[in-house]
Amino acid sequence: MTPWEGIDEFVSVAELGQFSAAAQRLGISSSHVSRQVARLEDRLQTRLLYRSTRKVSLTEAGVTFLAHCQRLIDARDEAMQAVTDLGGSPKGLLRVTCAVAYGEDFIMPLLNDFMQQHPQLKIEMTLTNQMLDLLHGSYDLAIRLGRLQDSSMIATRLAPRRMYLCAAPSYLQRHGAPHSLSELPRHNCLLGSSDTWHFQKGGKETPIRVQGNWQCNSGKAVLEAALRGFGLCQLPDYYVREHLHRGTLRALLSQHEPPHTGVWALYPQQRHLSPKVRQVVALLKEGLARRSEYQPME
């Protein structure tokens, strides 16, 4: 007799409410299920189930024991799956969500490469700037930008994210460059989804409300307006690095650049990651590192 004997039978009866249904689930006879549960109760020296001709219900001890047994079975199954998956190829459905612009330009090309390598995989991508609930939406993975707020998820940093305050030379020729944070209210600021920009002053992060005559909740649109000399902008590195390198934008107030954040792969807490999630996270990290936007500027 092993310590596991009777546990699967007990859990099945408790979850289904019938010995016959438990027997069908486990592929054994009802009499065998009944004997195993009875032997388990004898070993524990307590009753776990109330039995009647019509239904089975849990005793107080049974409720407590069921919760522990369900966790044990989950852990056992995950351990066995972890070993099985060591050399496994990604397959099945992979559901991912990401912000629209970053997903289109950076993530989808890499996911297409991943799917080409693993034809048994099916990918479903939701591009939205809303923060979707991974658990309720049954998503395997979310790509999030900037600061993370959901501490109930596991996060892997895929790439750095550095914010730049910048403007086109044509704007600076007309209005001059700000030399301190206090000069920002004198300038036309191109607003994205927020009118608060973040900087660093005296070793502390400093939010500053800015204003201007232009606003759009699209990073690409903000970049286009900045290149045309409409005003100052604060955008992540992947929008502006090439333009800073070419000189079509100039970085400003670099001494007050806010703390670097990141591009993150976010997924629900699990003791064991499926091959499709584990391998796609590794591919995204390697693929983003090769992008020119993340290379050191000369």
C-alpha atoms as a PDB file:
ATOM      1  CA  MET A   1       0.000   0.000   0.000  1.00  0.00           C
ATOM      2  CA  THR A   2       1.327   3.450  -0.947  1.00  0.00           C
ATOM      3  CA  PRO A   3       0.442   6.878   0.529  1.00  0.00           C
ATOM      4  CA  TRP A   4      -1.162   7.803  -2.820  1.00  0.00           C
ATOM      5  CA  GLU A   5      -3.580   4.859  -2.758  1.00  0.00           C
ATOM      6  CA  GLY A   6      -7.201   6.009  -2.657  1.00  0.00           C
ATOM      7  CA  ILE A   7      -6.468   9.713  -3.239  1.00  0.00           C
ATOM      8  CA  ASP A   8      -7.395   9.822  -6.936  1.00  0.00           C
ATOM      9  CA  GLU A   9     -10.550   7.852  -6.193  1.00  0.00           C
ATOM     10  CA  PHE A  10     -11.527  10.133  -3.301  1.00  0.00           C
ATOM     11  CA  VAL A  11     -10.963  13.321  -5.320  1.00  0.00           C
ATOM     12  CA  SER A  12     -12.977  12.012  -8.253  1.00  0.00           C
ATOM     13  CA  VAL A  13     -15.911  11.035  -5.996  1.00  0.00           C
ATOM     14  CA  ALA A  14     -15.767  14.397  -4.173  1.00  0.00           C
ATOM     15  CA  GLU A  15     -15.679  16.400  -7.430  1.00  0.00           C
ATOM     16  CA  LEU A  16     -18.359  14.387  -9.266  1.00  0.00           C
ATOM     17  CA  GLY A  17     -20.593  13.517  -6.308  1.00  0.00           C
ATOM     18  CA  GLN A  18     -21.070   9.895  -7.354  1.00  0.00           C
ATOM     19  CA  PHE A  19     -19.074   6.697  -7.116  1.00  0.00           C
ATOM     20  CA  SER A  20     -20.278   5.585 -10.555  1.00  0.00           C
ATOM     21  CA  ALA A  21     -19.186   8.839 -12.203  1.00  0.00           C
ATOM     22  CA  ALA A  22     -15.801   8.635 -10.479  1.00  0.00           C
ATOM     23  CA  ALA A  23     -15.395   5.049 -11.698  1.00  0.00           C
ATOM     24  CA  GLN A  24     -16.184   6.106 -15.257  1.00  0.00           C
ATOM     25  CA  ARG A  25     -13.649   8.946 -15.096  1.00  0.00           C
ATOM     26  CA  LEU A  26     -10.909   6.636 -13.791  1.00  0.00           C
ATOM     27  CA  GLY A  27     -11.797   3.669 -15.977  1.00  0.00           C
ATOM     28  CA  ILE A  28     -12.319   1.244 -13.079  1.00  0.00           C
ATOM     29  CA  SER A  29     -15.305  -0.380 -11.349  1.00  0.00           C
ATOM     30  CA  SER A  30     -17.515   1.416  -8.808  1.00  0.00           C
ATOM     31  CA  SER A  31     -16.808  -1.317  -6.248  1.00  0.00           C
ATOM     32  CA  HIS A  32     -13.063  -0.717  -6.584  1.00  0.00           C
ATOM     33  CA  VAL A  33     -13.544   3.035  -6.063  1.00  0.00           C
ATOM     34  CA  SER A  34     -15.660   2.376  -2.966  1.00  0.00           C
ATOM     35  CA  ARG A  35     -13.072  -0.022  -1.484  1.00  0.00           C
ATOM     36  CA  GLN A  36     -10.184   2.387  -2.085  1.00  0.00           C
ATOM     37  CA  VAL A  37     -12.011   5.304  -0.432  1.00  0.00           C
ATOM     38  CA  ALA A  38     -12.999   3.119   2.521  1.00  0.00           C
ATOM     39  CA  ARG A  39      -9.372   1.984   2.987  1.00  0.00           C
ATOM     40  CA  LEU A  40      -8.238   5.622   2.815  1.00  0.00           C
ATOM     41  CA  GLU A  41     -10.713   6.550   5.559  1.00  0.00           C
ATOM     42  CA  ASP A  42      -9.429   3.636   7.653  1.00  0.00           C
ATOM     43  CA  ARG A  43      -5.835   4.853   7.300  1.00  0.00           C
ATOM     44  CA  LEU A  44      -6.834   8.389   8.260  1.00  0.00           C
ATOM     45  CA  GLN A  45      -9.151   7.101  10.989  1.00  0.00           C
ATOM     46  CA  THR A  46     -11.801   9.633   9.999  1.00  0.00           C
ATOM     47  CA  ARG A  47     -14.838   9.764   7.725  1.00  0.00           C
ATOM     48  CA  LEU A  48     -14.381  11.815   4.562  1.00  0.00           C
ATOM     49  CA  LEU A  49     -17.742  11.248   2.867  1.00  0.00           C
ATOM     50  CA  TYR A  50     -21.384  11.032   3.833  1.00  0.00           C
ATOM     51  CA  ARG A  51     -22.976   8.287   1.704  1.00  0.00           C
ATOM     52  CA  SER A  52     -26.639   7.928   0.839  1.00  0.00           C
ATOM     53  CA  THR A  53     -28.535   6.080  -1.870  1.00  0.00           C
ATOM     54  CA  ARG A  54     -28.933   9.294  -3.890  1.00  0.00           C
ATOM     55  CA  LYS A  55     -25.785  11.345  -3.371  1.00  0.00           C
ATOM     56  CA  VAL A  56     -22.385  11.652  -1.744  1.00  0.00           C
ATOM     57  CA  SER A  57     -21.347  14.727   0.247  1.00  0.00           C
ATOM     58  CA  LEU A  58     -18.186  15.768   2.092  1.00  0.00           C
ATOM     59  CA  THR A  59     -17.691  15.796   5.826  1.00  0.00           C
ATOM     60  CA  GLU A  60     -15.810  18.708   7.411  1.00  0.00           C
ATOM     61  CA  ALA A  61     -12.641  16.581   7.351  1.00  0.00           C
ATOM     62  CA  GLY A  62     -13.397  15.690   3.727  1.00  0.00           C
ATOM     63  CA  VAL A  63     -13.569  19.361   2.685  1.00  0.00           C
ATOM     64  CA  THR A  64     -10.162  20.047   4.246  1.00  0.00           C
ATOM     65  CA  PHE A  65      -8.600  16.882   2.858  1.00  0.00           C
ATOM     66  CA  LEU A  66      -9.976  17.530  -0.657  1.00  0.00           C
ATOM     67  CA  ALA A  67      -8.299  20.948  -0.932  1.00  0.00           C
ATOM     68  CA  HIS A  68      -4.912  19.455  -0.021  1.00  0.00           C
ATOM     69  CA  CYS A  69      -5.348  16.446  -2.301  1.00  0.00           C
ATOM     70  CA  GLN A  70      -6.260  18.612  -5.309  1.00  0.00           C
ATOM     71  CA  ARG A  71      -3.031  20.596  -4.866  1.00  0.00           C
ATOM     72  CA  LEU A  72      -1.043  17.369  -4.548  1.00  0.00           C
ATOM     73  CA  ILE A  73      -2.533  15.944  -7.742  1.00  0.00           C
ATOM     74  CA  ASP A  74      -1.911  19.204  -9.630  1.00  0.00           C
ATOM     75  CA  ALA A  75       1.724  19.230  -8.478  1.00  0.00           C
ATOM     76  CA  ARG A  76       2.185  15.562  -9.420  1.00  0.00           C
ATOM     77  CA  ASP A  77       0.690  16.089 -12.878  1.00  0.00           C
ATOM     78  CA  GLU A  78       2.806  19.208 -13.459  1.00  0.00           C
ATOM     79  CA  ALA A  79       5.964  17.352 -12.446  1.00  0.00           C
ATOM     80  CA  MET A  80       5.224  14.560 -14.906  1.00  0.00           C
ATOM     81  CA  GLN A  81       4.354  17.055 -17.644  1.00  0.00           C
ATOM     82  CA  ALA A  82       7.588  18.992 -17.017  1.00  0.00           C
ATOM     83  CA  VAL A  83       9.678  15.903 -17.717  1.00  0.00           C
ATOM     84  CA  THR A  84       7.570  14.952 -20.735  1.00  0.00           C
ATOM     85  CA  ASP A  85       7.955  18.466 -22.184  1.00  0.00           C
ATOM     86  CA  LEU A  86      11.749  18.699 -21.834  1.00  0.00           C
ATOM     87  CA  GLY A  87      12.260  17.844 -25.476  1.00  0.00           C
ATOM     88  CA  GLY A  88       8.779  18.733 -26.597  1.00  0.00           C
ATOM     89  CA  SER A  89       7.997  20.836 -29.634  1.00  0.00           C
ATOM     90  CA  PRO A  90       5.587  23.768 -29.231  1.00  0.00           C
ATOM     91  CA  LYS A  91       2.099  22.871 -30.395  1.00  0.00           C
ATOM     92  CA  GLY A  92      -1.516  23.793 -29.804  1.00  0.00           C
ATOM     93  CA  LEU A  93      -2.948  27.289 -29.382  1.00  0.00           C
ATOM     94  CA  LEU A  94      -0.771  30.201 -28.192  1.00  0.00           C
ATOM     95  CA  ARG A  95      -2.817  33.290 -27.231  1.00  0.00           C
ATOM     96  CA  VAL A  96      -0.868  36.555 -26.959  1.00  0.00           C
ATOM     97  CA  THR A  97      -1.792  40.203 -26.407  1.00  0.00           C
ATOM     98  CA  CYS A  98       0.282  43.332 -27.016  1.00  0.00           C
ATOM     99  CA  ALA A  99      -0.041  47.071 -27.631  1.00  0.00           C
ATOM    100  CA  VAL A 100      -0.991  47.832 -31.238  1.00  0.00           C
ATOM    101  CA  ALA A 101       2.012  49.706 -32.674  1.00  0.00           C
ATOM    102  CA  TYR A 102       4.698  47.733 -30.848  1.00  0.00           C
ATOM    103  CA  GLY A 103       2.953  44.470 -31.632  1.00  0.00           C
ATOM    104  CA  GLU A 104       2.695  45.228 -35.349  1.00  0.00           C
ATOM    105  CA  ASP A 105       6.301  46.376 -35.796  1.00  0.00           C
ATOM    106  CA  PHE A 106       8.257  44.313 -33.267  1.00  0.00           C
ATOM    107  CA  ILE A 107       6.358  41.277 -31.956  1.00  0.00           C
ATOM    108  CA  MET A 108       4.351  39.925 -34.887  1.00  0.00           C
ATOM    109  CA  PRO A 109       7.373  39.494 -37.222  1.00  0.00           C
ATOM    110  CA  LEU A 110       9.062  37.401 -34.518  1.00  0.00           C
ATOM    111  CA  LEU A 111       5.904  35.385 -33.835  1.00  0.00           C
ATOM    112  CA  ASN A 112       5.637  34.697 -37.563  1.00  0.00           C
ATOM    113  CA  ASP A 113       9.208  33.366 -37.502  1.00  0.00           C
ATOM    114  CA  PHE A 114       8.302  31.198 -34.506  1.00  0.00           C
ATOM    115  CA  MET A 115       5.219  29.775 -36.205  1.00  0.00           C
ATOM    116  CA  GLN A 116       7.229  29.026 -39.345  1.00  0.00           C
ATOM    117  CA  GLN A 117       9.637  26.969 -37.218  1.00  0.00           C
ATOM    118  CA  HIS A 118       6.775  25.147 -35.462  1.00  0.00           C
ATOM    119  CA  PRO A 119       3.965  24.395 -37.948  1.00  0.00           C
ATOM    120  CA  GLN A 120       1.958  22.465 -35.320  1.00  0.00           C
ATOM    121  CA  LEU A 121       1.440  25.722 -33.422  1.00  0.00           C
ATOM    122  CA  LYS A 122      -1.579  27.982 -33.796  1.00  0.00           C
ATOM    123  CA  ILE A 123      -1.117  31.648 -32.821  1.00  0.00           C
ATOM    124  CA  GLU A 124      -3.903  34.032 -31.847  1.00  0.00           C
ATOM    125  CA  MET A 125      -2.705  37.620 -31.301  1.00  0.00           C
ATOM    126  CA  THR A 126      -4.875  40.402 -29.837  1.00  0.00           C
ATOM    127  CA  LEU A 127      -3.473  43.864 -30.518  1.00  0.00           C
ATOM    128  CA  THR A 128      -4.981  46.439 -28.172  1.00  0.00           C
ATOM    129  CA  ASN A 129      -3.801  49.316 -26.020  1.00  0.00           C
ATOM    130  CA  GLN A 130      -6.120  48.168 -23.227  1.00  0.00           C
ATOM    131  CA  MET A 131      -4.744  46.141 -20.305  1.00  0.00           C
ATOM    132  CA  LEU A 132      -6.482  42.808 -20.791  1.00  0.00           C
ATOM    133  CA  ASP A 133      -6.911  40.322 -17.934  1.00  0.00           C
ATOM    134  CA  LEU A 134      -4.714  37.326 -18.790  1.00  0.00           C
ATOM    135  CA  LEU A 135      -6.549  34.833 -16.589  1.00  0.00           C
ATOM    136  CA  HIS A 136     -10.110  35.724 -17.512  1.00  0.00           C
ATOM    137  CA  GLY A 137      -9.133  36.143 -21.151  1.00  0.00           C
ATOM    138  CA  SER A 138      -7.271  32.796 -21.171  1.00  0.00           C
ATOM    139  CA  TYR A 139      -4.111  34.404 -22.558  1.00  0.00           C
ATOM    140  CA  ASP A 140      -0.817  32.525 -22.377  1.00  0.00           C
ATOM    141  CA  LEU A 141       1.309  35.644 -22.671  1.00  0.00           C
ATOM    142  CA  ALA A 142       1.126  39.447 -22.653  1.00  0.00           C
ATOM    143  CA  ILE A 143       3.784  41.852 -23.907  1.00  0.00           C
ATOM    144  CA  ARG A 144       3.737  44.939 -21.690  1.00  0.00           C
ATOM    145  CA  LEU A 145       5.672  48.173 -22.045  1.00  0.00           C
ATOM    146  CA  GLY A 146       7.000  50.437 -19.295  1.00  0.00           C
ATOM    147  CA  ARG A 147       6.197  50.005 -15.622  1.00  0.00           C
ATOM    148  CA  LEU A 148       4.537  46.830 -14.423  1.00  0.00           C
ATOM    149  CA  GLN A 149       1.588  47.043 -12.064  1.00  0.00           C
ATOM    150  CA  ASP A 150       0.249  43.473 -11.848  1.00  0.00           C
ATOM    151  CA  SER A 151       2.370  41.697  -9.226  1.00  0.00           C
ATOM    152  CA  SER A 152       0.356  38.461  -9.483  1.00  0.00           C
ATOM    153  CA  MET A 153       2.059  37.601 -12.795  1.00  0.00           C
ATOM    154  CA  ILE A 154       5.542  36.362 -13.657  1.00  0.00           C
ATOM    155  CA  ALA A 155       7.543  38.880 -15.720  1.00  0.00           C
ATOM    156  CA  THR A 156      10.569  38.330 -17.955  1.00  0.00           C
ATOM    157  CA  ARG A 157      12.373  41.387 -19.289  1.00  0.00           C
ATOM    158  CA  LEU A 158      12.666  41.130 -23.066  1.00  0.00           C
ATOM    159  CA  ALA A 159      14.370  44.449 -23.791  1.00  0.00           C
ATOM    160  CA  PRO A 160      15.196  47.782 -22.160  1.00  0.00           C
ATOM    161  CA  ARG A 161      12.907  50.763 -22.564  1.00  0.00           C
ATOM    162  CA  ARG A 162      14.450  54.221 -22.397  1.00  0.00           C
ATOM    163  CA  MET A 163      12.436  57.432 -22.647  1.00  0.00           C
ATOM    164  CA  TYR A 164      13.792  60.447 -24.556  1.00  0.00           C
ATOM    165  CA  LEU A 165      12.701  64.071 -24.518  1.00  0.00           C
ATOM    166  CA  CYS A 166      13.434  65.402 -27.981  1.00  0.00           C
ATOM    167  CA  ALA A 167      12.522  67.841 -30.731  1.00  0.00           C
ATOM    168  CA  ALA A 168      13.311  68.510 -34.377  1.00  0.00           C
ATOM    169  CA  PRO A 169      16.067  71.036 -35.205  1.00  0.00           C
ATOM    170  CA  SER A 170      13.472  73.206 -36.992  1.00  0.00           C
ATOM    171  CA  TYR A 171      11.482  73.610 -33.752  1.00  0.00           C
ATOM    172  CA  LEU A 172      14.605  74.356 -31.722  1.00  0.00           C
ATOM    173  CA  GLN A 173      15.715  76.997 -34.229  1.00  0.00           C
ATOM    174  CA  ARG A 174      12.422  78.846 -33.740  1.00  0.00           C
ATOM    175  CA  HIS A 175      11.918  78.382 -29.997  1.00  0.00           C
ATOM    176  CA  GLY A 176      15.271  77.380 -28.524  1.00  0.00           C
ATOM    177  CA  ALA A 177      15.982  74.329 -26.348  1.00  0.00           C
ATOM    178  CA  PRO A 178      14.868  74.008 -22.725  1.00  0.00           C
ATOM    179  CA  HIS A 179      17.808  73.968 -20.293  1.00  0.00           C
ATOM    180  CA  SER A 180      15.856  72.967 -17.176  1.00  0.00           C
ATOM    181  CA  LEU A 181      12.596  71.263 -16.261  1.00  0.00           C
ATOM    182  CA  SER A 182      11.185  74.608 -15.157  1.00  0.00           C
ATOM    183  CA  GLU A 183      11.316  75.817 -18.792  1.00  0.00           C
ATOM    184  CA  LEU A 184       9.002  73.094 -20.106  1.00  0.00           C
ATOM    185  CA  PRO A 185       5.779  75.147 -19.574  1.00  0.00           C
ATOM    186  CA  ARG A 186       7.124  77.675 -22.102  1.00  0.00           C
ATOM    187  CA  HIS A 187       7.237  75.055 -24.843  1.00  0.00           C
ATOM    188  CA  ASN A 188       4.589  73.388 -26.968  1.00  0.00           C
ATOM    189  CA  CYS A 189       4.500  69.742 -25.859  1.00  0.00           C
ATOM    190  CA  LEU A 190       3.090  67.052 -28.124  1.00  0.00           C
ATOM    191  CA  LEU A 191       0.839  64.922 -25.940  1.00  0.00           C
ATOM    192  CA  GLY A 192       0.216  61.209 -26.312  1.00  0.00           C
ATOM    193  CA  SER A 193      -2.197  59.325 -24.078  1.00  0.00           C
ATOM    194  CA  SER A 194      -1.142  61.320 -20.996  1.00  0.00           C
ATOM    195  CA  ASP A 195      -0.369  64.949 -20.146  1.00  0.00           C
ATOM    196  CA  THR A 196       2.142  63.863 -17.482  1.00  0.00           C
ATOM    197  CA  TRP A 197       5.762  63.259 -18.446  1.00  0.00           C
ATOM    198  CA  HIS A 198       8.279  61.584 -16.154  1.00  0.00           C
ATOM    199  CA  PHE A 199      11.793  62.802 -15.433  1.00  0.00           C
ATOM    200  CA  GLN A 200      14.491  62.341 -12.806  1.00  0.00           C
ATOM    201  CA  LYS A 201      15.677  65.105 -10.502  1.00  0.00           C
ATOM    202  CA  GLY A 202      17.902  64.785  -7.464  1.00  0.00           C
ATOM    203  CA  GLY A 203      17.878  61.005  -7.767  1.00  0.00           C
ATOM    204  CA  LYS A 204      14.067  60.844  -7.605  1.00  0.00           C
ATOM    205  CA  GLU A 205      11.502  60.311 -10.316  1.00  0.00           C
ATOM    206  CA  THR A 206       9.613  63.544 -10.974  1.00  0.00           C
ATOM    207  CA  PRO A 207       6.271  63.677 -12.834  1.00  0.00           C
ATOM    208  CA  ILE A 208       5.544  66.950 -14.613  1.00  0.00           C
ATOM    209  CA  ARG A 209       2.278  67.983 -16.238  1.00  0.00           C
ATOM    210  CA  VAL A 210       2.838  69.514 -19.655  1.00  0.00           C
ATOM    211  CA  GLN A 211       0.585  71.206 -22.183  1.00  0.00           C
ATOM    212  CA  GLY A 212       0.397  71.914 -25.878  1.00  0.00           C
ATOM    213  CA  ASN A 213      -1.891  72.405 -28.852  1.00  0.00           C
ATOM    214  CA  TRP A 214      -1.620  68.827 -30.172  1.00  0.00           C
ATOM    215  CA  GLN A 215      -2.594  65.415 -28.749  1.00  0.00           C
ATOM    216  CA  CYS A 216      -3.006  61.886 -30.141  1.00  0.00           C
ATOM    217  CA  ASN A 217      -2.901  58.485 -28.437  1.00  0.00           C
ATOM    218  CA  SER A 218      -0.504  57.096 -31.054  1.00  0.00           C
ATOM    219  CA  GLY A 219       3.260  57.072 -30.648  1.00  0.00           C
ATOM    220  CA  LYS A 220       3.759  57.046 -34.409  1.00  0.00           C
ATOM    221  CA  ALA A 221       1.568  60.122 -34.792  1.00  0.00           C
ATOM    222  CA  VAL A 222       3.454  61.930 -31.995  1.00  0.00           C
ATOM    223  CA  LEU A 223       6.743  61.106 -33.750  1.00  0.00           C
ATOM    224  CA  GLU A 224       5.466  62.423 -37.087  1.00  0.00           C
ATOM    225  CA  ALA A 225       4.361  65.703 -35.490  1.00  0.00           C
ATOM    226  CA  ALA A 226       7.722  66.078 -33.746  1.00  0.00           C
ATOM    227  CA  LEU A 227       9.638  65.483 -36.998  1.00  0.00           C
ATOM    228  CA  ARG A 228       7.597  68.247 -38.607  1.00  0.00           C
ATOM    229  CA  GLY A 229       8.722  70.662 -35.913  1.00  0.00           C
ATOM    230  CA  PHE A 230       5.409  71.071 -34.082  1.00  0.00           C
ATOM    231  CA  GLY A 231       6.879  70.773 -30.586  1.00  0.00           C
ATOM    232  CA  LEU A 232       8.672  68.680 -27.955  1.00  0.00           C
ATOM    233  CA  CYS A 233       7.892  65.006 -27.490  1.00  0.00           C
ATOM    234  CA  GLN A 234       8.729  62.305 -24.947  1.00  0.00           C
ATOM    235  CA  LEU A 235       8.865  58.895 -26.593  1.00  0.00           C
ATOM    236  CA  PRO A 236      10.493  55.474 -26.036  1.00  0.00           C
ATOM    237  CA  ASP A 237      13.790  54.581 -27.685  1.00  0.00           C
ATOM    238  CA  TYR A 238      12.288  52.312 -30.352  1.00  0.00           C
ATOM    239  CA  TYR A 239      10.458  55.311 -31.869  1.00  0.00           C
ATOM    240  CA  VAL A 240      13.285  57.851 -31.853  1.00  0.00           C
ATOM    241  CA  ARG A 241      16.695  56.085 -31.839  1.00  0.00           C
ATOM    242  CA  GLU A 242      17.170  56.148 -35.633  1.00  0.00           C
ATOM    243  CA  HIS A 243      16.105  59.788 -35.814  1.00  0.00           C
ATOM    244  CA  LEU A 244      18.493  60.760 -33.023  1.00  0.00           C
ATOM    245  CA  HIS A 245      21.279  58.931 -34.862  1.00  0.00           C
ATOM    246  CA  ARG A 246      20.479  60.718 -38.144  1.00  0.00           C
ATOM    247  CA  GLY A 247      20.043  64.101 -36.484  1.00  0.00           C
ATOM    248  CA  THR A 248      16.409  64.578 -37.527  1.00  0.00           C
ATOM    249  CA  LEU A 249      15.648  64.736 -33.776  1.00  0.00           C
ATOM    250  CA  ARG A 250      17.766  66.054 -30.914  1.00  0.00           C
ATOM    251  CA  ALA A 251      17.732  64.670 -27.360  1.00  0.00           C
ATOM    252  CA  LEU A 252      17.066  67.267 -24.634  1.00  0.00           C
ATOM    253  CA  LEU A 253      17.584  67.429 -20.853  1.00  0.00           C
ATOM    254  CA  SER A 254      19.416  64.103 -20.841  1.00  0.00           C
ATOM    255  CA  GLN A 255      20.509  64.814 -17.240  1.00  0.00           C
ATOM    256  CA  HIS A 256      16.853  64.419 -16.239  1.00  0.00           C
ATOM    257  CA  GLU A 257      16.134  61.257 -18.237  1.00  0.00           C
ATOM    258  CA  PRO A 258      13.734  59.064 -16.230  1.00  0.00           C
ATOM    259  CA  PRO A 259      14.780  55.633 -14.888  1.00  0.00           C
ATOM    260  CA  HIS A 260      14.825  52.958 -17.561  1.00  0.00           C
ATOM    261  CA  THR A 261      11.894  50.555 -17.556  1.00  0.00           C
ATOM    262  CA  GLY A 262      11.460  47.669 -19.954  1.00  0.00           C
ATOM    263  CA  VAL A 263       9.573  45.572 -22.466  1.00  0.00           C
ATOM    264  CA  TRP A 264       8.152  42.602 -20.569  1.00  0.00           C
ATOM    265  CA  ALA A 265       6.749  39.161 -21.245  1.00  0.00           C
ATOM    266  CA  LEU A 266       4.031  38.609 -18.662  1.00  0.00           C
ATOM    267  CA  TYR A 267       2.401  35.262 -17.917  1.00  0.00           C
ATOM    268  CA  PRO A 268       0.379  33.692 -15.084  1.00  0.00           C
ATOM    269  CA  GLN A 269       2.262  32.165 -12.165  1.00  0.00           C
ATOM    270  CA  GLN A 270       2.900  28.491 -12.810  1.00  0.00           C
ATOM    271  CA  ARG A 271       5.410  26.039 -11.456  1.00  0.00           C
ATOM    272  CA  HIS A 272       5.818  24.623 -14.944  1.00  0.00           C
ATOM    273  CA  LEU A 273       5.815  26.558 -18.221  1.00  0.00           C
ATOM    274  CA  SER A 274       4.649  24.845 -21.383  1.00  0.00           C
ATOM    275  CA  PRO A 275       7.238  24.542 -24.194  1.00  0.00           C
ATOM    276  CA  LYS A 276       5.327  27.006 -26.372  1.00  0.00           C
ATOM    277  CA  VAL A 277       5.490  29.794 -23.755  1.00  0.00           C
ATOM    278  CA  ARG A 278       9.030  29.054 -22.621  1.00  0.00           C
ATOM    279  CA  GLN A 279      10.406  28.911 -26.168  1.00  0.00           C
ATOM    280  CA  VAL A 280       8.517  31.905 -27.529  1.00  0.00           C
ATOM    281  CA  VAL A 281       9.750  34.084 -24.638  1.00  0.00           C
ATOM    282  CA  ALA A 282      13.340  33.054 -25.422  1.00  0.00           C
ATOM    283  CA  LEU A 283      12.829  33.766 -29.142  1.00  0.00           C
ATOM    284  CA  LEU A 284      11.334  37.204 -28.471  1.00  0.00           C
ATOM    285  CA  LYS A 285      14.222  38.127 -26.182  1.00  0.00           C
ATOM    286  CA  GLU A 286      16.829  37.065 -28.754  1.00  0.00           C
ATOM    287  CA  GLY A 287      14.951  38.634 -31.659  1.00  0.00           C
ATOM    288  CA  LEU A 288      14.485  42.022 -30.003  1.00  0.00           C
ATOM    289  CA  ALA A 289      18.176  42.115 -29.019  1.00  0.00           C
ATOM    290  CA  ARG A 290      19.067  41.963 -32.738  1.00  0.00           C
ATOM    291  CA  ARG A 291      16.860  44.947 -33.656  1.00  0.00           C
ATOM    292  CA  SER A 292      18.727  48.110 -34.621  1.00  0.00           C
ATOM    293  CA  GLU A 293      16.579  50.105 -32.187  1.00  0.00           C
ATOM    294  CA  TYR A 294      18.276  48.283 -29.299  1.00  0.00           C
ATOM    295  CA  GLN A 295      21.859  48.546 -30.553  1.00  0.00           C
ATOM    296  CA  PRO A 296      24.267  51.035 -28.885  1.00  0.00           C
ATOM    297  CA  MET A 297      24.397  54.360 -30.675  1.00  0.00           C
ATOM    298  CA  GLU A 298      27.816  55.315 -32.040  1.00  0.00           C
END
